[in-house]
Amino acid sequence: MLPSFNVLGTDLKECSKDPITGWFRDGCCNTDRNDISLHTVCCVVTDEFLQFALSKGNNLITPAPQFNFPGLKSGDQWCVCAQTWQDAYEKGVACPVVLESTHEETLQIVPLDNLKQFTK
C-alpha cells in the first residue's frame, strides 16, 4: 500500500485503535475509491456532533455488534465522513479534529481553514 498523507501534507497518523476506526478498520482514516462517503476526518466526537449525525440518519451512538461497532460516546476519536463534518460545521456543531490524522482527500470537501478552526 502506498503511503497516505494528511491534510498538512505529512504522513497520516493513527486516529484510534480503541474504538478501532477507519474505512479499513486499521485505526487510520485511510480511504480508497470504494469509500464514496470519504470516512477521512479524524474527529474527537462530542454529544452535540453525535446528535447532529443521528438527525441526519447516521447513528454513531448505538452499538452494532454485527459490524464490530461499539457505539461512540463523547471524547472518542473516530474517522467521520467529510461531508457530515462539513455539514456540522455549517450548522455550528462541528467537533474537534486531529489534523495529523485527517486524510488529505478530506480537502475535496472541507477547506483546510475550516478544519484548522477546530484543531484538537
PDB file of N, CA and C in Angstrom:
ATOM      1  N   MET A   1       0.842  -1.188   0.000  1.00  0.00           N
ATOM      2  CA  MET A   1       0.000   0.000   0.000  1.00  0.00           C
ATOM      3  C   MET A   1       0.884   1.247   0.000  1.00  0.00           C
ATOM      4  N   LEU A   2       0.506   2.212  -0.806  1.00  0.00           N
ATOM      5  CA  LEU A   2       1.252   3.464  -0.878  1.00  0.00           C
ATOM      6  C   LEU A   2       1.068   4.258   0.402  1.00  0.00           C
ATOM      7  N   PRO A   3       2.041   5.096   0.728  1.00  0.00           N
ATOM      8  CA  PRO A   3       1.875   5.918   1.932  1.00  0.00           C
ATOM      9  C   PRO A   3       0.687   6.870   1.779  1.00  0.00           C
ATOM     10  N   SER A   4       0.033   7.140   2.889  1.00  0.00           N
ATOM     11  CA  SER A   4      -1.077   8.086   2.901  1.00  0.00           C
ATOM     12  C   SER A   4      -0.612   9.369   3.568  1.00  0.00           C
ATOM     13  N   PHE A   5      -1.205  10.462   3.146  1.00  0.00           N
ATOM     14  CA  PHE A   5      -0.839  11.766   3.672  1.00  0.00           C
ATOM     15  C   PHE A   5      -2.034  12.449   4.324  1.00  0.00           C
ATOM     16  N   ASN A   6      -1.728  13.310   5.279  1.00  0.00           N
ATOM     17  CA  ASN A   6      -2.779  14.058   5.956  1.00  0.00           C
ATOM     18  C   ASN A   6      -2.984  15.414   5.290  1.00  0.00           C
ATOM     19  N   VAL A   7      -3.898  16.195   5.849  1.00  0.00           N
ATOM     20  CA  VAL A   7      -4.232  17.495   5.264  1.00  0.00           C
ATOM     21  C   VAL A   7      -3.093  18.503   5.358  1.00  0.00           C
ATOM     22  N   LEU A   8      -2.084  18.188   6.159  1.00  0.00           N
ATOM     23  CA  LEU A   8      -0.908  19.055   6.282  1.00  0.00           C
ATOM     24  C   LEU A   8       0.205  18.642   5.322  1.00  0.00           C
ATOM     25  N   GLY A   9      -0.010  17.525   4.582  1.00  0.00           N
ATOM     26  CA  GLY A   9       0.975  17.061   3.620  1.00  0.00           C
ATOM     27  C   GLY A   9       2.038  16.150   4.203  1.00  0.00           C
ATOM     28  N   THR A  10       1.876  15.745   5.457  1.00  0.00           N
ATOM     29  CA  THR A  10       2.830  14.829   6.088  1.00  0.00           C
ATOM     30  C   THR A  10       2.188  13.440   6.215  1.00  0.00           C
ATOM     31  N   ASP A  11       2.950  12.473   6.702  1.00  0.00           N
ATOM     32  CA  ASP A  11       2.435  11.107   6.828  1.00  0.00           C
ATOM     33  C   ASP A  11       1.196  11.067   7.714  1.00  0.00           C
ATOM     34  N   LEU A  12       0.192  10.326   7.262  1.00  0.00           N
ATOM     35  CA  LEU A  12      -1.043  10.162   8.008  1.00  0.00           C
ATOM     36  C   LEU A  12      -0.780   9.396   9.294  1.00  0.00           C
ATOM     37  N   LYS A  13      -1.228   9.933  10.408  1.00  0.00           N
ATOM     38  CA  LYS A  13      -1.064   9.304  11.728  1.00  0.00           C
ATOM     39  C   LYS A  13      -2.327   8.533  12.091  1.00  0.00           C
ATOM     40  N   GLU A  14      -2.165   7.624  13.039  1.00  0.00           N
ATOM     41  CA  GLU A  14      -3.290   6.839  13.545  1.00  0.00           C
ATOM     42  C   GLU A  14      -4.330   7.763  14.183  1.00  0.00           C
ATOM     43  N   CYS A  15      -5.601   7.401  14.010  1.00  0.00           N
ATOM     44  CA  CYS A  15      -6.696   8.152  14.626  1.00  0.00           C
ATOM     45  C   CYS A  15      -7.147   7.471  15.917  1.00  0.00           C
ATOM     46  N   SER A  16      -7.519   6.187  15.838  1.00  0.00           N
ATOM     47  CA  SER A  16      -7.963   5.475  17.045  1.00  0.00           C
ATOM     48  C   SER A  16      -7.945   3.971  16.853  1.00  0.00           C
ATOM     49  N   LYS A  17      -7.419   3.295  17.847  1.00  0.00           N
ATOM     50  CA  LYS A  17      -7.490   1.829  17.898  1.00  0.00           C
ATOM     51  C   LYS A  17      -8.501   1.378  18.949  1.00  0.00           C
ATOM     52  N   ASP A  18      -8.988   2.324  19.785  1.00  0.00           N
ATOM     53  CA  ASP A  18      -9.965   1.991  20.815  1.00  0.00           C
ATOM     54  C   ASP A  18     -10.942   3.143  20.975  1.00  0.00           C
ATOM     55  N   PRO A  19     -12.057   3.140  20.243  1.00  0.00           N
ATOM     56  CA  PRO A  19     -12.503   2.052  19.375  1.00  0.00           C
ATOM     57  C   PRO A  19     -11.733   2.049  18.055  1.00  0.00           C
ATOM     58  N   ILE A  20     -11.651   0.881  17.450  1.00  0.00           N
ATOM     59  CA  ILE A  20     -10.945   0.743  16.170  1.00  0.00           C
ATOM     60  C   ILE A  20     -11.756   1.438  15.083  1.00  0.00           C
ATOM     61  N   THR A  21     -11.117   2.346  14.369  1.00  0.00           N
ATOM     62  CA  THR A  21     -11.827   3.173  13.395  1.00  0.00           C
ATOM     63  C   THR A  21     -11.233   3.019  12.004  1.00  0.00           C
ATOM     64  N   GLY A  22     -11.829   3.717  11.069  1.00  0.00           N
ATOM     65  CA  GLY A  22     -11.327   3.785   9.706  1.00  0.00           C
ATOM     66  C   GLY A  22     -12.113   2.928   8.734  1.00  0.00           C
ATOM     67  N   TRP A  23     -12.113   3.352   7.501  1.00  0.00           N
ATOM     68  CA  TRP A  23     -12.763   2.627   6.408  1.00  0.00           C
ATOM     69  C   TRP A  23     -12.274   1.184   6.364  1.00  0.00           C
ATOM     70  N   PHE A  24     -10.983   0.992   6.626  1.00  0.00           N
ATOM     71  CA  PHE A  24     -10.384  -0.350   6.619  1.00  0.00           C
ATOM     72  C   PHE A  24     -10.313  -0.966   8.017  1.00  0.00           C
ATOM     73  N   ARG A  25     -10.842  -0.251   9.019  1.00  0.00           N
ATOM     74  CA  ARG A  25     -10.753  -0.669  10.420  1.00  0.00           C
ATOM     75  C   ARG A  25      -9.297  -0.990  10.785  1.00  0.00           C
ATOM     76  N   ASP A  26      -8.425  -0.054  10.397  1.00  0.00           N
ATOM     77  CA  ASP A  26      -6.998  -0.195  10.690  1.00  0.00           C
ATOM     78  C   ASP A  26      -6.510   0.879  11.659  1.00  0.00           C
ATOM     79  N   GLY A  27      -7.440   1.667  12.188  1.00  0.00           N
ATOM     80  CA  GLY A  27      -7.081   2.716  13.130  1.00  0.00           C
ATOM     81  C   GLY A  27      -6.751   4.045  12.486  1.00  0.00           C
ATOM     82  N   CYS A  28      -6.690   4.070  11.145  1.00  0.00           N
ATOM     83  CA  CYS A  28      -6.349   5.290  10.407  1.00  0.00           C
ATOM     84  C   CYS A  28      -7.505   5.690   9.489  1.00  0.00           C
ATOM     85  N   CYS A  29      -7.525   6.961   9.128  1.00  0.00           N
ATOM     86  CA  CYS A  29      -8.574   7.469   8.246  1.00  0.00           C
ATOM     87  C   CYS A  29      -8.170   7.321   6.778  1.00  0.00           C
ATOM     88  N   ASN A  30      -7.640   6.152   6.444  1.00  0.00           N
ATOM     89  CA  ASN A  30      -7.294   5.846   5.051  1.00  0.00           C
ATOM     90  C   ASN A  30      -8.560   5.724   4.219  1.00  0.00           C
ATOM     91  N   THR A  31      -8.411   5.791   2.904  1.00  0.00           N
ATOM     92  CA  THR A  31      -9.555   5.715   2.007  1.00  0.00           C
ATOM     93  C   THR A  31      -9.136   5.066   0.697  1.00  0.00           C
ATOM     94  N   ASP A  32     -10.122   4.700  -0.087  1.00  0.00           N
ATOM     95  CA  ASP A  32      -9.880   4.240  -1.455  1.00  0.00           C
ATOM     96  C   ASP A  32     -11.124   4.571  -2.287  1.00  0.00           C
ATOM     97  N   ARG A  33     -11.146   4.149  -3.528  1.00  0.00           N
ATOM     98  CA  ARG A  33     -12.257   4.502  -4.427  1.00  0.00           C
ATOM     99  C   ARG A  33     -13.602   3.935  -3.980  1.00  0.00           C
ATOM    100  N   ASN A  34     -13.582   2.880  -3.172  1.00  0.00           N
ATOM    101  CA  ASN A  34     -14.830   2.290  -2.693  1.00  0.00           C
ATOM    102  C   ASN A  34     -15.463   3.093  -1.555  1.00  0.00           C
ATOM    103  N   ASP A  35     -14.698   3.965  -0.949  1.00  0.00           N
ATOM    104  CA  ASP A  35     -15.172   4.778   0.175  1.00  0.00           C
ATOM    105  C   ASP A  35     -15.809   6.051  -0.372  1.00  0.00           C
ATOM    106  N   ILE A  36     -17.013   5.923  -0.904  1.00  0.00           N
ATOM    107  CA  ILE A  36     -17.649   7.065  -1.571  1.00  0.00           C
ATOM    108  C   ILE A  36     -18.038   8.177  -0.604  1.00  0.00           C
ATOM    109  N   SER A  37     -18.162   7.848   0.685  1.00  0.00           N
ATOM    110  CA  SER A  37     -18.518   8.870   1.680  1.00  0.00           C
ATOM    111  C   SER A  37     -17.301   9.541   2.305  1.00  0.00           C
ATOM    112  N   LEU A  38     -16.105   9.103   1.938  1.00  0.00           N
ATOM    113  CA  LEU A  38     -14.863   9.677   2.462  1.00  0.00           C
ATOM    114  C   LEU A  38     -14.848   9.728   3.994  1.00  0.00           C
ATOM    115  N   HIS A  39     -14.646   8.584   4.616  1.00  0.00           N
ATOM    116  CA  HIS A  39     -14.504   8.481   6.076  1.00  0.00           C
ATOM    117  C   HIS A  39     -13.082   8.909   6.442  1.00  0.00           C
ATOM    118  N   THR A  40     -12.800  10.190   6.307  1.00  0.00           N
ATOM    119  CA  THR A  40     -11.420  10.668   6.314  1.00  0.00           C
ATOM    120  C   THR A  40     -11.088  11.719   7.365  1.00  0.00           C
ATOM    121  N   VAL A  41     -12.073  12.196   8.111  1.00  0.00           N
ATOM    122  CA  VAL A  41     -11.832  13.247   9.101  1.00  0.00           C
ATOM    123  C   VAL A  41     -11.691  12.606  10.478  1.00  0.00           C
ATOM    124  N   CYS A  42     -10.509  12.708  11.066  1.00  0.00           N
ATOM    125  CA  CYS A  42     -10.291  12.174  12.409  1.00  0.00           C
ATOM    126  C   CYS A  42     -10.834  13.188  13.411  1.00  0.00           C
ATOM    127  N   CYS A  43     -11.934  12.810  14.067  1.00  0.00           N
ATOM    128  CA  CYS A  43     -12.627  13.704  14.987  1.00  0.00           C
ATOM    129  C   CYS A  43     -12.558  13.209  16.416  1.00  0.00           C
ATOM    130  N   VAL A  44     -12.669  14.140  17.322  1.00  0.00           N
ATOM    131  CA  VAL A  44     -12.941  13.838  18.715  1.00  0.00           C
ATOM    132  C   VAL A  44     -14.417  14.189  18.870  1.00  0.00           C
ATOM    133  N   VAL A  45     -15.264  13.161  18.830  1.00  0.00           N
ATOM    134  CA  VAL A  45     -16.704  13.419  18.772  1.00  0.00           C
ATOM    135  C   VAL A  45     -17.224  14.014  20.074  1.00  0.00           C
ATOM    136  N   THR A  46     -18.247  14.838  19.921  1.00  0.00           N
ATOM    137  CA  THR A  46     -18.942  15.453  21.053  1.00  0.00           C
ATOM    138  C   THR A  46     -20.385  14.971  21.033  1.00  0.00           C
ATOM    139  N   ASP A  47     -21.083  15.121  22.152  1.00  0.00           N
ATOM    140  CA  ASP A  47     -22.501  14.749  22.188  1.00  0.00           C
ATOM    141  C   ASP A  47     -23.283  15.531  21.140  1.00  0.00           C
ATOM    142  N   GLU A  48     -22.980  16.806  21.016  1.00  0.00           N
ATOM    143  CA  GLU A  48     -23.674  17.663  20.050  1.00  0.00           C
ATOM    144  C   GLU A  48     -23.470  17.149  18.618  1.00  0.00           C
ATOM    145  N   PHE A  49     -22.238  16.776  18.285  1.00  0.00           N
ATOM    146  CA  PHE A  49     -21.956  16.255  16.953  1.00  0.00           C
ATOM    147  C   PHE A  49     -22.667  14.922  16.726  1.00  0.00           C
ATOM    148  N   LEU A  50     -22.614  14.030  17.733  1.00  0.00           N
ATOM    149  CA  LEU A  50     -23.262  12.723  17.598  1.00  0.00           C
ATOM    150  C   LEU A  50     -24.769  12.886  17.386  1.00  0.00           C
ATOM    151  N   GLN A  51     -25.387  13.822  18.089  1.00  0.00           N
ATOM    152  CA  GLN A  51     -26.825  14.067  17.907  1.00  0.00           C
ATOM    153  C   GLN A  51     -27.102  14.644  16.521  1.00  0.00           C
ATOM    154  N   PHE A  52     -26.209  15.509  16.039  1.00  0.00           N
ATOM    155  CA  PHE A  52     -26.366  16.052  14.683  1.00  0.00           C
ATOM    156  C   PHE A  52     -26.302  14.930  13.652  1.00  0.00           C
ATOM    157  N   ALA A  53     -25.294  14.066  13.767  1.00  0.00           N
ATOM    158  CA  ALA A  53     -25.159  12.945  12.821  1.00  0.00           C
ATOM    159  C   ALA A  53     -26.400  12.061  12.875  1.00  0.00           C
ATOM    160  N   LEU A  54     -26.895  11.798  14.075  1.00  0.00           N
ATOM    161  CA  LEU A  54     -28.099  10.976  14.235  1.00  0.00           C
ATOM    162  C   LEU A  54     -29.287  11.622  13.535  1.00  0.00           C
ATOM    163  N   SER A  55     -29.413  12.938  13.637  1.00  0.00           N
ATOM    164  CA  SER A  55     -30.525  13.652  12.991  1.00  0.00           C
ATOM    165  C   SER A  55     -30.448  13.556  11.472  1.00  0.00           C
ATOM    166  N   LYS A  56     -29.265  13.259  10.957  1.00  0.00           N
ATOM    167  CA  LYS A  56     -29.070  13.107   9.507  1.00  0.00           C
ATOM    168  C   LYS A  56     -29.113  11.636   9.085  1.00  0.00           C
ATOM    169  N   GLY A  57     -29.477  10.760  10.023  1.00  0.00           N
ATOM    170  CA  GLY A  57     -29.602   9.338   9.700  1.00  0.00           C
ATOM    171  C   GLY A  57     -28.346   8.524   9.907  1.00  0.00           C
ATOM    172  N   ASN A  58     -27.313   9.127  10.512  1.00  0.00           N
ATOM    173  CA  ASN A  58     -26.056   8.424  10.749  1.00  0.00           C
ATOM    174  C   ASN A  58     -25.925   8.164  12.254  1.00  0.00           C
ATOM    175  N   ASN A  59     -26.390   6.989  12.690  1.00  0.00           N
ATOM    176  CA  ASN A  59     -26.386   6.649  14.104  1.00  0.00           C
ATOM    177  C   ASN A  59     -25.019   6.106  14.505  1.00  0.00           C
ATOM    178  N   LEU A  60     -24.231   6.954  15.127  1.00  0.00           N
ATOM    179  CA  LEU A  60     -22.907   6.573  15.607  1.00  0.00           C
ATOM    180  C   LEU A  60     -22.919   6.254  17.097  1.00  0.00           C
ATOM    181  N   ILE A  61     -24.102   6.291  17.700  1.00  0.00           N
ATOM    182  CA  ILE A  61     -24.241   6.118  19.141  1.00  0.00           C
ATOM    183  C   ILE A  61     -24.565   4.671  19.520  1.00  0.00           C
ATOM    184  N   THR A  62     -25.483   4.067  18.794  1.00  0.00           N
ATOM    185  CA  THR A  62     -25.964   2.729  19.132  1.00  0.00           C
ATOM    186  C   THR A  62     -24.975   1.652  18.704  1.00  0.00           C
ATOM    187  N   PRO A  63     -24.582   0.777  19.625  1.00  0.00           N
ATOM    188  CA  PRO A  63     -23.694  -0.324  19.249  1.00  0.00           C
ATOM    189  C   PRO A  63     -24.317  -1.207  18.163  1.00  0.00           C
ATOM    190  N   ALA A  64     -23.477  -1.685  17.262  1.00  0.00           N
ATOM    191  CA  ALA A  64     -23.896  -2.625  16.217  1.00  0.00           C
ATOM    192  C   ALA A  64     -22.880  -3.766  16.213  1.00  0.00           C
ATOM    193  N   PRO A  65     -23.066  -4.730  17.125  1.00  0.00           N
ATOM    194  CA  PRO A  65     -22.091  -5.815  17.279  1.00  0.00           C
ATOM    195  C   PRO A  65     -21.850  -6.604  15.993  1.00  0.00           C
ATOM    196  N   GLN A  66     -22.862  -6.706  15.154  1.00  0.00           N
ATOM    197  CA  GLN A  66     -22.716  -7.452  13.907  1.00  0.00           C
ATOM    198  C   GLN A  66     -21.678  -6.819  12.984  1.00  0.00           C
ATOM    199  N   PHE A  67     -21.383  -5.532  13.207  1.00  0.00           N
ATOM    200  CA  PHE A  67     -20.358  -4.832  12.429  1.00  0.00           C
ATOM    201  C   PHE A  67     -19.138  -4.512  13.291  1.00  0.00           C
ATOM    202  N   ASN A  68     -19.072  -5.137  14.470  1.00  0.00           N
ATOM    203  CA  ASN A  68     -17.980  -4.892  15.405  1.00  0.00           C
ATOM    204  C   ASN A  68     -17.873  -3.401  15.741  1.00  0.00           C
ATOM    205  N   PHE A  69     -19.049  -2.770  15.898  1.00  0.00           N
ATOM    206  CA  PHE A  69     -19.116  -1.337  16.202  1.00  0.00           C
ATOM    207  C   PHE A  69     -19.644  -1.155  17.619  1.00  0.00           C
ATOM    208  N   PRO A  70     -18.830  -0.562  18.506  1.00  0.00           N
ATOM    209  CA  PRO A  70     -19.222  -0.450  19.909  1.00  0.00           C
ATOM    210  C   PRO A  70     -20.189   0.683  20.224  1.00  0.00           C
ATOM    211  N   GLY A  71     -20.416   1.583  19.269  1.00  0.00           N
ATOM    212  CA  GLY A  71     -21.156   2.805  19.571  1.00  0.00           C
ATOM    213  C   GLY A  71     -20.185   3.822  20.148  1.00  0.00           C
ATOM    214  N   LEU A  72     -20.392   5.083  19.821  1.00  0.00           N
ATOM    215  CA  LEU A  72     -19.467   6.127  20.249  1.00  0.00           C
ATOM    216  C   LEU A  72     -20.058   6.970  21.368  1.00  0.00           C
ATOM    217  N   LYS A  73     -19.160   7.533  22.163  1.00  0.00           N
ATOM    218  CA  LYS A  73     -19.546   8.477  23.206  1.00  0.00           C
ATOM    219  C   LYS A  73     -18.634   9.695  23.094  1.00  0.00           C
ATOM    220  N   SER A  74     -19.051  10.764  23.678  1.00  0.00           N
ATOM    221  CA  SER A  74     -18.273  11.995  23.653  1.00  0.00           C
ATOM    222  C   SER A  74     -16.838  11.721  24.102  1.00  0.00           C
ATOM    223  N   GLY A  75     -15.885  12.238  23.333  1.00  0.00           N
ATOM    224  CA  GLY A  75     -14.470  12.057  23.644  1.00  0.00           C
ATOM    225  C   GLY A  75     -13.791  10.979  22.829  1.00  0.00           C
ATOM    226  N   ASP A  76     -14.587  10.081  22.214  1.00  0.00           N
ATOM    227  CA  ASP A  76     -13.998   9.057  21.348  1.00  0.00           C
ATOM    228  C   ASP A  76     -13.459   9.704  20.079  1.00  0.00           C
ATOM    229  N   GLN A  77     -12.382   9.132  19.552  1.00  0.00           N
ATOM    230  CA  GLN A  77     -11.866   9.566  18.252  1.00  0.00           C
ATOM    231  C   GLN A  77     -12.386   8.606  17.206  1.00  0.00           C
ATOM    232  N   TRP A  78     -12.778   9.160  16.047  1.00  0.00           N
ATOM    233  CA  TRP A  78     -13.414   8.360  15.014  1.00  0.00           C
ATOM    234  C   TRP A  78     -13.214   9.032  13.660  1.00  0.00           C
ATOM    235  N   CYS A  79     -13.062   8.223  12.621  1.00  0.00           N
ATOM    236  CA  CYS A  79     -12.978   8.742  11.255  1.00  0.00           C
ATOM    237  C   CYS A  79     -14.396   8.971  10.739  1.00  0.00           C
ATOM    238  N   VAL A  80     -14.793  10.213  10.630  1.00  0.00           N
ATOM    239  CA  VAL A  80     -16.139  10.524  10.163  1.00  0.00           C
ATOM    240  C   VAL A  80     -16.107  10.971   8.708  1.00  0.00           C
ATOM    241  N   CYS A  81     -17.271  10.925   8.091  1.00  0.00           N
ATOM    242  CA  CYS A  81     -17.405  11.318   6.680  1.00  0.00           C
ATOM    243  C   CYS A  81     -17.160  12.822   6.544  1.00  0.00           C
ATOM    244  N   ALA A  82     -16.391  13.164   5.544  1.00  0.00           N
ATOM    245  CA  ALA A  82     -16.036  14.563   5.322  1.00  0.00           C
ATOM    246  C   ALA A  82     -17.274  15.447   5.162  1.00  0.00           C
ATOM    247  N   GLN A  83     -18.266  14.979   4.417  1.00  0.00           N
ATOM    248  CA  GLN A  83     -19.467  15.801   4.201  1.00  0.00           C
ATOM    249  C   GLN A  83     -20.262  15.970   5.490  1.00  0.00           C
ATOM    250  N   THR A  84     -20.318  14.932   6.315  1.00  0.00           N
ATOM    251  CA  THR A  84     -21.019  15.048   7.598  1.00  0.00           C
ATOM    252  C   THR A  84     -20.342  16.104   8.467  1.00  0.00           C
ATOM    253  N   TRP A  85     -18.999  16.076   8.515  1.00  0.00           N
ATOM    254  CA  TRP A  85     -18.293  17.071   9.322  1.00  0.00           C
ATOM    255  C   TRP A  85     -18.541  18.470   8.766  1.00  0.00           C
ATOM    256  N   GLN A  86     -18.469  18.624   7.447  1.00  0.00           N
ATOM    257  CA  GLN A  86     -18.684  19.935   6.833  1.00  0.00           C
ATOM    258  C   GLN A  86     -20.102  20.432   7.106  1.00  0.00           C
ATOM    259  N   ASP A  87     -21.088  19.529   7.012  1.00  0.00           N
ATOM    260  CA  ASP A  87     -22.477  19.916   7.307  1.00  0.00           C
ATOM    261  C   ASP A  87     -22.605  20.370   8.757  1.00  0.00           C
ATOM    262  N   ALA A  88     -21.947  19.637   9.672  1.00  0.00           N
ATOM    263  CA  ALA A  88     -21.968  20.016  11.086  1.00  0.00           C
ATOM    264  C   ALA A  88     -21.306  21.378  11.278  1.00  0.00           C
ATOM    265  N   TYR A  89     -20.221  21.609  10.569  1.00  0.00           N
ATOM    266  CA  TYR A  89     -19.534  22.903  10.623  1.00  0.00           C
ATOM    267  C   TYR A  89     -20.492  24.026  10.225  1.00  0.00           C
ATOM    268  N   GLU A  90     -21.201  23.815   9.133  1.00  0.00           N
ATOM    269  CA  GLU A  90     -22.121  24.838   8.628  1.00  0.00           C
ATOM    270  C   GLU A  90     -23.283  25.090   9.587  1.00  0.00           C
ATOM    271  N   LYS A  91     -23.629  24.097  10.401  1.00  0.00           N
ATOM    272  CA  LYS A  91     -24.717  24.233  11.385  1.00  0.00           C
ATOM    273  C   LYS A  91     -24.206  24.667  12.749  1.00  0.00           C
ATOM    274  N   GLY A  92     -22.887  24.852  12.881  1.00  0.00           N
ATOM    275  CA  GLY A  92     -22.317  25.315  14.136  1.00  0.00           C
ATOM    276  C   GLY A  92     -22.141  24.233  15.191  1.00  0.00           C
ATOM    277  N   VAL A  93     -22.085  22.963  14.758  1.00  0.00           N
ATOM    278  CA  VAL A  93     -21.936  21.857  15.721  1.00  0.00           C
ATOM    279  C   VAL A  93     -20.749  20.956  15.377  1.00  0.00           C
ATOM    280  N   ALA A  94     -19.772  21.493  14.672  1.00  0.00           N
ATOM    281  CA  ALA A  94     -18.583  20.693  14.325  1.00  0.00           C
ATOM    282  C   ALA A  94     -17.837  20.310  15.599  1.00  0.00           C
ATOM    283  N   CYS A  95     -17.186  19.154  15.545  1.00  0.00           N
ATOM    284  CA  CYS A  95     -16.395  18.693  16.684  1.00  0.00           C
ATOM    285  C   CYS A  95     -14.907  18.864  16.361  1.00  0.00           C
ATOM    286  N   PRO A  96     -14.053  18.783  17.382  1.00  0.00           N
ATOM    287  CA  PRO A  96     -12.613  18.936  17.156  1.00  0.00           C
ATOM    288  C   PRO A  96     -12.059  17.872  16.199  1.00  0.00           C
ATOM    289  N   VAL A  97     -11.025  18.262  15.468  1.00  0.00           N
ATOM    290  CA  VAL A  97     -10.368  17.346  14.536  1.00  0.00           C
ATOM    291  C   VAL A  97      -8.884  17.228  14.882  1.00  0.00           C
ATOM    292  N   VAL A  98      -8.294  16.105  14.483  1.00  0.00           N
ATOM    293  CA  VAL A  98      -6.862  15.870  14.636  1.00  0.00           C
ATOM    294  C   VAL A  98      -6.277  15.954  13.219  1.00  0.00           C
ATOM    295  N   LEU A  99      -5.661  17.083  12.906  1.00  0.00           N
ATOM    296  CA  LEU A  99      -5.187  17.330  11.538  1.00  0.00           C
ATOM    297  C   LEU A  99      -4.184  16.279  11.067  1.00  0.00           C
ATOM    298  N   GLU A 100      -3.287  15.866  11.944  1.00  0.00           N
ATOM    299  CA  GLU A 100      -2.254  14.898  11.561  1.00  0.00           C
ATOM    300  C   GLU A 100      -2.842  13.536  11.200  1.00  0.00           C
ATOM    301  N   SER A 101      -4.088  13.291  11.631  1.00  0.00           N
ATOM    302  CA  SER A 101      -4.745  12.006  11.381  1.00  0.00           C
ATOM    303  C   SER A 101      -5.906  12.123  10.405  1.00  0.00           C
ATOM    304  N   THR A 102      -6.087  13.302   9.806  1.00  0.00           N
ATOM    305  CA  THR A 102      -7.153  13.545   8.835  1.00  0.00           C
ATOM    306  C   THR A 102      -6.579  13.435   7.432  1.00  0.00           C
ATOM    307  N   HIS A 103      -7.121  12.510   6.651  1.00  0.00           N
ATOM    308  CA  HIS A 103      -6.598  12.205   5.314  1.00  0.00           C
ATOM    309  C   HIS A 103      -6.736  13.400   4.370  1.00  0.00           C
ATOM    310  N   GLU A 104      -5.744  13.559   3.497  1.00  0.00           N
ATOM    311  CA  GLU A 104      -5.727  14.678   2.554  1.00  0.00           C
ATOM    312  C   GLU A 104      -6.932  14.706   1.616  1.00  0.00           C
ATOM    313  N   GLU A 105      -7.560  13.563   1.368  1.00  0.00           N
ATOM    314  CA  GLU A 105      -8.744  13.533   0.496  1.00  0.00           C
ATOM    315  C   GLU A 105      -9.894  14.357   1.069  1.00  0.00           C
ATOM    316  N   THR A 106      -9.854  14.613   2.362  1.00  0.00           N
ATOM    317  CA  THR A 106     -10.864  15.452   3.017  1.00  0.00           C
ATOM    318  C   THR A 106     -10.967  16.803   2.333  1.00  0.00           C
ATOM    319  N   LEU A 107      -9.838  17.297   1.828  1.00  0.00           N
ATOM    320  CA  LEU A 107      -9.791  18.638   1.249  1.00  0.00           C
ATOM    321  C   LEU A 107     -10.616  18.761  -0.031  1.00  0.00           C
ATOM    322  N   GLN A 108     -11.099  17.640  -0.562  1.00  0.00           N
ATOM    323  CA  GLN A 108     -12.030  17.700  -1.702  1.00  0.00           C
ATOM    324  C   GLN A 108     -13.359  18.319  -1.275  1.00  0.00           C
ATOM    325  N   ILE A 109     -13.667  18.207   0.025  1.00  0.00           N
ATOM    326  CA  ILE A 109     -14.970  18.641   0.534  1.00  0.00           C
ATOM    327  C   ILE A 109     -14.858  19.742   1.581  1.00  0.00           C
ATOM    328  N   VAL A 110     -13.858  19.632   2.452  1.00  0.00           N
ATOM    329  CA  VAL A 110     -13.726  20.560   3.579  1.00  0.00           C
ATOM    330  C   VAL A 110     -12.485  21.429   3.400  1.00  0.00           C
ATOM    331  N   PRO A 111     -12.655  22.753   3.395  1.00  0.00           N
ATOM    332  CA  PRO A 111     -11.487  23.633   3.311  1.00  0.00           C
ATOM    333  C   PRO A 111     -10.590  23.486   4.557  1.00  0.00           C
ATOM    334  N   LEU A 112      -9.293  23.536   4.340  1.00  0.00           N
ATOM    335  CA  LEU A 112      -8.337  23.407   5.437  1.00  0.00           C
ATOM    336  C   LEU A 112      -8.590  24.451   6.520  1.00  0.00           C
ATOM    337  N   ASP A 113      -8.961  25.651   6.136  1.00  0.00           N
ATOM    338  CA  ASP A 113      -9.226  26.698   7.132  1.00  0.00           C
ATOM    339  C   ASP A 113     -10.352  26.300   8.079  1.00  0.00           C
ATOM    340  N   ASN A 114     -11.378  25.614   7.573  1.00  0.00           N
ATOM    341  CA  ASN A 114     -12.465  25.150   8.429  1.00  0.00           C
ATOM    342  C   ASN A 114     -11.939  24.153   9.454  1.00  0.00           C
ATOM    343  N   LEU A 115     -11.125  23.211   8.986  1.00  0.00           N
ATOM    344  CA  LEU A 115     -10.561  22.200   9.879  1.00  0.00           C
ATOM    345  C   LEU A 115      -9.681  22.853  10.942  1.00  0.00           C
ATOM    346  N   LYS A 116      -8.864  23.805  10.525  1.00  0.00           N
ATOM    347  CA  LYS A 116      -7.931  24.448  11.454  1.00  0.00           C
ATOM    348  C   LYS A 116      -8.646  25.160  12.602  1.00  0.00           C
ATOM    349  N   GLN A 117      -9.871  25.628  12.354  1.00  0.00           N
ATOM    350  CA  GLN A 117     -10.640  26.296  13.409  1.00  0.00           C
ATOM    351  C   GLN A 117     -11.008  25.332  14.532  1.00  0.00           C
ATOM    352  N   PHE A 118     -10.961  24.024  14.251  1.00  0.00           N
ATOM    353  CA  PHE A 118     -11.386  23.012  15.214  1.00  0.00           C
ATOM    354  C   PHE A 118     -10.266  22.025  15.550  1.00  0.00           C
ATOM    355  N   THR A 119      -9.035  22.488  15.431  1.00  0.00           N
ATOM    356  CA  THR A 119      -7.892  21.630  15.700  1.00  0.00           C
ATOM    357  C   THR A 119      -7.827  21.258  17.164  1.00  0.00           C
ATOM    358  N   LYS A 120      -7.646  19.957  17.404  1.00  0.00           N
ATOM    359  CA  LYS A 120      -7.529  19.435  18.761  1.00  0.00           C
ATOM    360  C   LYS A 120      -6.098  19.580  19.211  1.00  0.00           C
TER     361      LYS A 120
END
